[in-house]
Protein backbone atom coordinates (compact mmCIF):
# COMPACT_ATOMS: atom_id res chain seq x y z
CA MET A 1 97.00 -129.65 -202.41
CA LYS A 2 97.95 -126.56 -200.43
CA ARG A 3 94.29 -126.04 -199.51
CA PHE A 4 94.05 -129.68 -198.34
CA PHE A 5 97.00 -129.25 -195.93
CA LEU A 6 95.63 -125.96 -194.59
CA THR A 7 92.25 -127.61 -193.97
CA LEU A 8 93.96 -130.58 -192.29
CA ILE A 9 96.00 -128.29 -190.02
CA ALA A 10 92.91 -126.24 -189.09
CA ALA A 11 90.92 -129.40 -188.31
CA ALA A 12 93.74 -130.75 -186.14
CA GLY A 13 93.84 -127.45 -184.24
CA LEU A 14 90.10 -127.58 -183.58
CA ALA A 15 90.29 -131.20 -182.47
CA GLY A 16 93.07 -130.33 -180.03
CA ALA A 17 91.02 -127.47 -178.59
CA ALA A 18 88.02 -129.77 -178.15
CA HIS A 19 90.11 -132.13 -176.02
CA ALA A 20 91.66 -129.43 -173.83
CA ALA A 21 91.38 -130.28 -170.15
CA ASP A 22 89.15 -128.21 -167.91
CA PRO A 23 91.22 -126.12 -165.44
CA ILE A 24 89.77 -128.09 -162.49
CA GLU A 25 91.30 -131.34 -163.79
CA GLY A 26 94.54 -132.43 -162.16
CA VAL A 27 96.05 -133.18 -158.76
CA TRP A 28 95.33 -130.78 -155.89
CA GLN A 29 96.85 -130.62 -152.40
CA THR A 30 94.36 -130.06 -149.58
CA GLU A 31 94.96 -128.01 -146.47
CA PRO A 32 95.75 -130.02 -143.34
CA ASP A 33 92.63 -131.28 -141.52
CA ASP A 34 93.15 -133.01 -138.17
CA GLY A 35 96.90 -133.10 -138.85
CA SER A 36 96.75 -134.79 -142.26
CA PHE A 37 96.50 -133.61 -145.83
CA ALA A 38 95.94 -135.32 -149.16
CA TYR A 39 96.46 -135.14 -152.87
CA VAL A 40 93.10 -135.23 -154.65
CA THR A 41 92.92 -136.18 -158.32
CA ILE A 42 90.05 -134.38 -160.06
CA ALA A 43 88.79 -135.81 -163.35
CA PRO A 44 85.57 -135.95 -165.37
CA CYS A 45 82.79 -138.16 -164.00
CA GLY A 46 79.70 -138.27 -166.13
CA GLY A 47 79.15 -134.71 -167.32
CA ASN A 48 80.71 -133.18 -164.20
CA TYR A 49 83.91 -133.52 -162.12
CA CYS A 50 84.83 -135.72 -159.17
CA GLY A 51 87.92 -135.84 -156.98
CA THR A 52 89.43 -138.96 -155.43
CA ILE A 53 92.01 -139.05 -152.65
CA SER A 54 95.12 -140.37 -154.41
CA ARG A 55 97.86 -139.86 -151.75
CA THR A 56 97.78 -139.08 -148.03
CA PHE A 57 100.31 -137.39 -145.75
CA ASN A 58 100.79 -136.63 -142.05
CA ALA A 59 103.65 -135.22 -139.94
CA SER A 60 105.68 -138.40 -140.58
CA GLY A 61 105.28 -138.23 -144.36
CA GLU A 62 103.21 -140.26 -146.80
CA TYR A 63 101.09 -142.99 -145.25
CA GLU A 64 98.31 -145.41 -146.20
CA SER A 65 95.10 -143.79 -144.99
CA PRO A 66 91.85 -145.78 -145.05
CA ASN A 67 90.44 -142.78 -146.97
CA LYS A 68 92.81 -143.28 -149.91
CA GLY A 69 90.79 -144.06 -153.03
CA LYS A 70 87.60 -142.48 -151.67
CA GLN A 71 85.77 -139.74 -153.51
CA ILE A 72 85.98 -136.41 -151.65
CA VAL A 73 84.72 -134.06 -154.41
CA ARG A 74 81.48 -135.25 -155.91
CA ASN A 75 79.53 -134.30 -159.02
CA MET A 76 80.94 -130.76 -159.39
CA ALA A 77 79.19 -128.97 -162.23
CA ALA A 78 80.86 -126.03 -163.97
CA GLN A 79 78.94 -122.78 -163.42
CA GLY A 80 81.21 -120.55 -165.52
CA ASP A 81 84.02 -118.15 -164.60
CA GLY A 82 85.92 -120.85 -162.65
CA ALA A 83 82.97 -121.66 -160.36
CA TYR A 84 81.69 -125.19 -159.69
CA GLU A 85 78.90 -126.60 -157.50
CA GLY A 86 78.32 -130.11 -156.23
CA ARG A 87 79.12 -132.01 -153.03
CA VAL A 88 82.17 -132.47 -150.81
CA TRP A 89 82.87 -135.17 -148.23
CA ARG A 90 84.83 -134.37 -145.06
CA PRO A 91 86.67 -137.52 -143.96
CA SER A 92 87.26 -136.38 -140.36
CA ASN A 93 83.52 -136.39 -139.57
CA ASP A 94 82.23 -138.57 -142.45
CA LYS A 95 79.69 -135.94 -143.56
CA VAL A 96 78.78 -134.73 -147.05
CA TYR A 97 78.17 -131.03 -147.64
CA LEU A 98 76.98 -128.74 -150.40
CA GLY A 99 80.23 -127.98 -152.20
CA LYS A 100 81.33 -124.85 -153.99
CA ILE A 101 84.64 -124.29 -155.77
CA GLN A 102 86.14 -121.11 -157.14
CA LEU A 103 89.31 -121.48 -159.22
CA ASN A 104 91.92 -118.78 -159.57
CA GLY A 105 94.87 -120.08 -161.60
CA ASN A 106 96.50 -122.91 -159.63
CA GLN A 107 94.54 -122.01 -156.47
CA MET A 108 91.17 -123.45 -155.47
CA ALA A 109 88.86 -122.05 -152.81
CA LEU A 110 86.67 -124.98 -151.78
CA ARG A 111 83.71 -124.52 -149.45
CA GLY A 112 81.55 -127.09 -147.73
CA CYS A 113 78.23 -125.58 -146.71
CA VAL A 114 75.09 -126.39 -144.72
CA ALA A 115 71.70 -124.66 -144.44
CA GLY A 116 71.54 -123.97 -148.17
CA GLY A 117 74.94 -122.28 -148.17
CA LEU A 118 74.42 -119.98 -145.16
CA PHE A 119 77.21 -121.57 -143.10
CA CYS A 120 80.39 -122.68 -144.83
CA ALA A 121 83.83 -123.98 -143.92
CA ARG A 122 86.57 -123.18 -146.39
CA GLN A 123 89.84 -124.71 -147.53
CA ASN A 124 92.35 -123.43 -150.04
CA TRP A 125 93.89 -126.09 -152.25
CA VAL A 126 96.91 -125.75 -154.51
CA LYS A 127 97.35 -127.53 -157.83
CA VAL A 128 100.42 -129.79 -157.77
CA GLN A 129 99.96 -131.40 -161.24
């Protein structure tokens, strides 16, 4: 009986570890871009990760942006050591770029690049949830 309970506890521990969220999952606050910033909710999509604009803010506070609900981080694949690669959409110019993310705790360095990654713009996001 004792062995049964120990096996059950060990199995429960392994099941919990298997369902642990990836560090990229959660709600992230963007840097201001053209005077506005957003909360982006990153979650699994297929075998990778995608981020959707869940709340938007400007100098007056929270507002209903037409970009709310749109996917800004697209198909980010984990590369190991907190690195991810995929695509990012910049709402202010409606362009999609090669995207690279590097996580460091509750900080995210996100880059949108052109020319195969030779020229990149960068934003630092902070995890809020």
